[in-house]
Amino acid sequence: MMYQPREEGQGLVEYALILVLVAVVVIVILALLGPVIGNVFSGIVRNL
């Protein structure tokens, strides 16, 4: 009987790394665009 490595753990780690990468990208985008979005909402509230 040949030894077969388990791949479930590896797949789980890959999914976790992808999720971390997506989270970092979202955080960077929000950090860059946060003030712009805030100014847009401030302008809308000011005009009401």
N, C-alpha and C. Protein backbone atom coordinates (compact mmCIF):
# COMPACT_ATOMS: atom_id res chain seq x y z
N MET A 1 0.84 -1.18 0.00
CA MET A 1 0.00 0.00 0.00
C MET A 1 0.89 1.24 0.00
N MET A 2 0.65 2.14 -0.93
CA MET A 2 1.51 3.31 -1.06
C MET A 2 1.01 4.44 -0.16
N TYR A 3 1.96 5.23 0.30
CA TYR A 3 1.62 6.37 1.15
C TYR A 3 1.07 7.51 0.30
N GLN A 4 -0.08 8.01 0.68
CA GLN A 4 -0.68 9.13 -0.03
C GLN A 4 -0.74 10.33 0.91
N PRO A 5 -0.07 11.43 0.53
CA PRO A 5 -0.11 12.61 1.41
C PRO A 5 -1.50 13.20 1.49
N ARG A 6 -1.82 13.74 2.65
CA ARG A 6 -3.13 14.37 2.81
C ARG A 6 -3.10 15.75 2.18
N GLU A 7 -4.10 16.06 1.39
CA GLU A 7 -4.13 17.34 0.71
C GLU A 7 -5.18 18.29 1.28
N GLU A 8 -6.02 17.80 2.20
CA GLU A 8 -7.06 18.68 2.73
C GLU A 8 -6.44 19.85 3.48
N GLY A 9 -5.43 19.56 4.29
CA GLY A 9 -4.78 20.62 5.06
C GLY A 9 -4.12 21.65 4.16
N GLN A 10 -3.49 21.18 3.09
CA GLN A 10 -2.84 22.09 2.16
C GLN A 10 -3.87 23.00 1.49
N GLY A 11 -4.99 22.44 1.08
CA GLY A 11 -6.03 23.25 0.46
C GLY A 11 -6.56 24.30 1.42
N LEU A 12 -6.70 23.91 2.69
CA LEU A 12 -7.20 24.84 3.70
C LEU A 12 -6.23 26.01 3.88
N VAL A 13 -4.94 25.71 3.90
CA VAL A 13 -3.93 26.76 4.04
C VAL A 13 -3.97 27.68 2.82
N GLU A 14 -4.14 27.12 1.63
CA GLU A 14 -4.21 27.96 0.44
C GLU A 14 -5.42 28.89 0.47
N TYR A 15 -6.57 28.36 0.90
CA TYR A 15 -7.76 29.21 1.02
C TYR A 15 -7.53 30.32 2.04
N ALA A 16 -6.88 29.98 3.15
CA ALA A 16 -6.61 30.98 4.18
C ALA A 16 -5.69 32.07 3.64
N LEU A 17 -4.67 31.69 2.88
CA LEU A 17 -3.75 32.68 2.32
C LEU A 17 -4.46 33.59 1.33
N ILE A 18 -5.36 33.02 0.53
CA ILE A 18 -6.12 33.83 -0.43
C ILE A 18 -7.01 34.81 0.31
N LEU A 19 -7.68 34.34 1.37
CA LEU A 19 -8.54 35.23 2.15
C LEU A 19 -7.75 36.36 2.79
N VAL A 20 -6.55 36.04 3.30
CA VAL A 20 -5.71 37.08 3.90
C VAL A 20 -5.29 38.09 2.85
N LEU A 21 -4.92 37.61 1.67
CA LEU A 21 -4.52 38.51 0.59
C LEU A 21 -5.67 39.44 0.19
N VAL A 22 -6.87 38.88 0.05
CA VAL A 22 -8.03 39.70 -0.30
C VAL A 22 -8.31 40.72 0.81
N ALA A 23 -8.20 40.30 2.06
CA ALA A 23 -8.44 41.22 3.17
C ALA A 23 -7.44 42.37 3.15
N VAL A 24 -6.17 42.07 2.89
CA VAL A 24 -5.15 43.13 2.85
C VAL A 24 -5.43 44.10 1.72
N VAL A 25 -5.82 43.58 0.55
CA VAL A 25 -6.13 44.45 -0.59
C VAL A 25 -7.31 45.36 -0.26
N VAL A 26 -8.36 44.80 0.36
CA VAL A 26 -9.53 45.60 0.72
C VAL A 26 -9.15 46.69 1.73
N ILE A 27 -8.32 46.34 2.71
CA ILE A 27 -7.91 47.32 3.72
C ILE A 27 -7.11 48.44 3.08
N VAL A 28 -6.20 48.09 2.16
CA VAL A 28 -5.40 49.13 1.50
C VAL A 28 -6.30 50.04 0.66
N ILE A 29 -7.24 49.46 -0.07
CA ILE A 29 -8.15 50.27 -0.89
C ILE A 29 -8.98 51.20 -0.01
N LEU A 30 -9.50 50.67 1.10
CA LEU A 30 -10.29 51.52 2.00
C LEU A 30 -9.43 52.60 2.64
N ALA A 31 -8.18 52.29 2.95
CA ALA A 31 -7.30 53.30 3.55
C ALA A 31 -7.02 54.42 2.55
N LEU A 32 -6.89 54.07 1.27
CA LEU A 32 -6.61 55.09 0.25
C LEU A 32 -7.86 55.88 -0.11
N LEU A 33 -9.00 55.22 -0.22
CA LEU A 33 -10.21 55.88 -0.68
C LEU A 33 -11.11 56.36 0.45
N GLY A 34 -10.80 56.01 1.68
CA GLY A 34 -11.63 56.39 2.81
C GLY A 34 -11.91 57.88 2.90
N PRO A 35 -10.85 58.70 2.87
CA PRO A 35 -11.09 60.15 2.93
C PRO A 35 -11.91 60.68 1.76
N VAL A 36 -11.70 60.12 0.58
CA VAL A 36 -12.46 60.56 -0.59
C VAL A 36 -13.94 60.25 -0.39
N ILE A 37 -14.23 59.05 0.06
CA ILE A 37 -15.63 58.65 0.29
C ILE A 37 -16.24 59.51 1.39
N GLY A 38 -15.45 59.79 2.44
CA GLY A 38 -15.93 60.65 3.52
C GLY A 38 -16.27 62.04 3.02
N ASN A 39 -15.43 62.58 2.14
CA ASN A 39 -15.70 63.92 1.59
C ASN A 39 -16.97 63.92 0.74
N VAL A 40 -17.21 62.85 0.00
CA VAL A 40 -18.42 62.77 -0.83
C VAL A 40 -19.66 62.79 0.07
N PHE A 41 -19.65 61.99 1.13
CA PHE A 41 -20.80 61.96 2.03
C PHE A 41 -20.97 63.29 2.76
N SER A 42 -19.85 63.91 3.13
CA SER A 42 -19.93 65.22 3.79
C SER A 42 -20.56 66.25 2.85
N GLY A 43 -20.19 66.20 1.58
CA GLY A 43 -20.77 67.12 0.61
C GLY A 43 -22.26 66.90 0.43
N ILE A 44 -22.67 65.63 0.44
CA ILE A 44 -24.09 65.32 0.29
C ILE A 44 -24.87 65.86 1.49
N VAL A 45 -24.35 65.61 2.70
CA VAL A 45 -25.03 66.07 3.92
C VAL A 45 -25.07 67.58 3.96
N ARG A 46 -24.00 68.26 3.54
CA ARG A 46 -23.95 69.71 3.52
C ARG A 46 -25.02 70.29 2.58
N ASN A 47 -25.28 69.60 1.48
CA ASN A 47 -26.24 70.11 0.50
C ASN A 47 -27.69 69.81 0.88
N LEU A 48 -27.91 69.03 1.91
CA LEU A 48 -29.31 68.67 2.26
C LEU A 48 -29.97 69.79 3.00
